[in-house]
Amino acid sequence: MLIGIKRIYDKPEVTDGQRMLVDRLWPRGVKKSTSNIDVWLKEIAPSDELRKWFSHEPERWEEFKERYKKEIVGTKPFLELLKTLKESDVTFVFAAKDVEHNNAVALAEFVRTAIS
């Protein structure tokens, strides 16, 4: 099982496996019909309150991860995601411009910790 991370605006590849959009809001300028998204996991994305607080400010990154982890780890959507990951390779897809500080990066970290 491999976990990839990719912006929705990047070209999909066969090696992506199952493409999972992990944002609460659908990305601007992207048509659902041409997005190559296999599943949209809105319920695993950070809450609107947390997302707005974080606002992709790198100095809030560590606290964002802590808060996000408290929101999702152990929840039904997170546990279902772990089951899915046992079956196939996945790519967590996100829309943020910052490729280092976003919920897909944090989610991949949580998942890798949970399965190790």
Protein backbone atom coordinates (compact mmCIF):
# COMPACT_ATOMS: atom_id res chain seq x y z
CA MET A 1 0.00 0.00 0.00
CA LEU A 2 1.38 3.34 -1.09
CA ILE A 3 0.04 6.77 -0.14
CA GLY A 4 0.65 9.57 -2.61
CA ILE A 5 -0.15 13.26 -2.24
CA LYS A 6 -0.98 15.48 -5.20
CA ARG A 7 -2.66 18.76 -6.06
CA ILE A 8 -5.87 18.38 -8.00
CA TYR A 9 -4.43 20.69 -10.64
CA ASP A 10 -1.56 18.26 -11.34
CA LYS A 11 -1.92 15.72 -14.11
CA PRO A 12 -3.35 12.38 -12.94
CA GLU A 13 -1.18 9.32 -13.51
CA VAL A 14 -1.90 5.61 -13.65
CA THR A 15 0.37 5.13 -10.63
CA ASP A 16 -1.91 7.34 -8.49
CA GLY A 17 -4.08 4.38 -7.58
CA GLN A 18 -7.40 5.42 -6.08
CA ARG A 19 -7.60 9.23 -6.12
CA MET A 20 -9.26 10.62 -2.99
CA LEU A 21 -10.13 14.29 -2.67
CA VAL A 22 -9.62 15.13 1.00
CA ASP A 23 -10.88 18.73 0.99
CA ARG A 24 -14.21 19.83 2.44
CA LEU A 25 -14.87 22.22 -0.47
CA TRP A 26 -14.77 21.28 -4.14
CA PRO A 27 -11.76 22.99 -5.80
CA ARG A 28 -12.43 26.08 -7.87
CA GLY A 29 -12.18 25.75 -11.61
CA VAL A 30 -12.30 21.95 -11.59
CA LYS A 31 -15.20 20.08 -13.17
CA LYS A 32 -16.28 16.96 -11.35
CA SER A 33 -16.68 15.20 -14.68
CA THR A 34 -13.01 15.70 -15.62
CA SER A 35 -11.37 15.65 -12.18
CA ASN A 36 -10.38 11.95 -12.16
CA ILE A 37 -11.41 11.78 -8.51
CA ASP A 38 -12.57 8.33 -7.41
CA VAL A 39 -13.99 9.38 -4.07
CA TRP A 40 -14.53 12.70 -2.30
CA LEU A 41 -13.90 12.33 1.43
CA LYS A 42 -15.48 15.56 2.71
CA GLU A 43 -16.07 14.04 6.13
CA ILE A 44 -12.35 13.43 6.69
CA ALA A 45 -11.35 17.01 5.89
CA PRO A 46 -10.70 19.54 8.66
CA SER A 47 -13.76 21.28 10.05
CA ASP A 48 -14.62 24.66 8.54
CA GLU A 49 -13.61 26.31 11.82
CA LEU A 50 -10.17 24.66 11.83
CA ARG A 51 -9.63 25.25 8.12
CA LYS A 52 -10.40 28.95 8.47
CA TRP A 53 -8.24 29.29 11.59
CA PHE A 54 -5.25 27.63 9.90
CA SER A 55 -5.56 29.65 6.69
CA HIS A 56 -2.42 27.85 5.41
CA GLU A 57 -0.15 29.91 7.64
CA PRO A 58 3.04 27.86 8.10
CA GLU A 59 3.61 29.17 11.64
CA ARG A 60 0.32 27.48 12.65
CA TRP A 61 1.24 24.14 11.03
CA GLU A 62 2.16 22.13 14.14
CA GLU A 63 -0.89 23.28 16.08
CA PHE A 64 -3.08 22.69 13.02
CA LYS A 65 -1.88 19.08 12.85
CA GLU A 66 -2.60 18.54 16.54
CA ARG A 67 -6.12 19.98 16.25
CA TYR A 68 -6.85 18.11 13.02
CA LYS A 69 -5.64 14.84 14.51
CA LYS A 70 -7.99 15.30 17.48
CA GLU A 71 -10.86 15.92 15.05
CA ILE A 72 -10.45 12.80 12.94
CA VAL A 73 -8.28 10.03 14.37
CA GLY A 74 -10.54 7.32 15.74
CA THR A 75 -13.65 8.54 13.94
CA LYS A 76 -15.68 6.25 11.72
CA PRO A 77 -14.54 7.97 8.47
CA PHE A 78 -10.88 7.63 9.52
CA LEU A 79 -11.25 3.97 10.43
CA GLU A 80 -13.04 3.29 7.13
CA LEU A 81 -10.20 5.01 5.29
CA LEU A 82 -7.68 2.73 7.00
CA LYS A 83 -9.63 -0.33 5.79
CA THR A 84 -9.65 1.03 2.24
CA LEU A 85 -5.90 1.58 2.32
CA LYS A 86 -5.29 -2.10 3.01
CA GLU A 87 -6.82 -2.90 -0.36
CA SER A 88 -5.12 -0.48 -2.76
CA ASP A 89 -2.66 2.32 -3.37
CA VAL A 90 -4.15 5.78 -2.97
CA THR A 91 -3.35 9.39 -3.67
CA PHE A 92 -4.72 12.06 -1.36
CA VAL A 93 -5.71 14.95 -3.60
CA PHE A 94 -5.94 18.54 -2.37
CA ALA A 95 -6.35 22.03 -3.82
CA ALA A 96 -4.14 24.21 -1.58
CA LYS A 97 -1.24 26.08 -3.16
CA ASP A 98 1.09 25.17 -0.28
CA VAL A 99 2.24 21.61 -0.99
CA GLU A 100 4.01 21.23 2.38
CA HIS A 101 1.41 22.60 4.80
CA ASN A 102 -2.03 21.21 3.99
CA ASN A 103 -4.51 18.68 5.30
CA ALA A 104 -3.50 15.97 2.79
CA VAL A 105 0.07 16.01 4.11
CA ALA A 106 -1.19 15.86 7.69
CA LEU A 107 -3.68 13.09 6.88
CA ALA A 108 -0.98 10.97 5.22
CA GLU A 109 1.15 11.40 8.36
CA PHE A 110 -1.73 10.28 10.62
CA VAL A 111 -2.48 7.27 8.42
CA ARG A 112 1.17 6.16 8.25
CA THR A 113 1.39 6.39 12.05
CA ALA A 114 -1.85 4.43 12.48
CA ILE A 115 -0.78 1.55 10.24
CA SER A 116 2.80 1.22 11.44
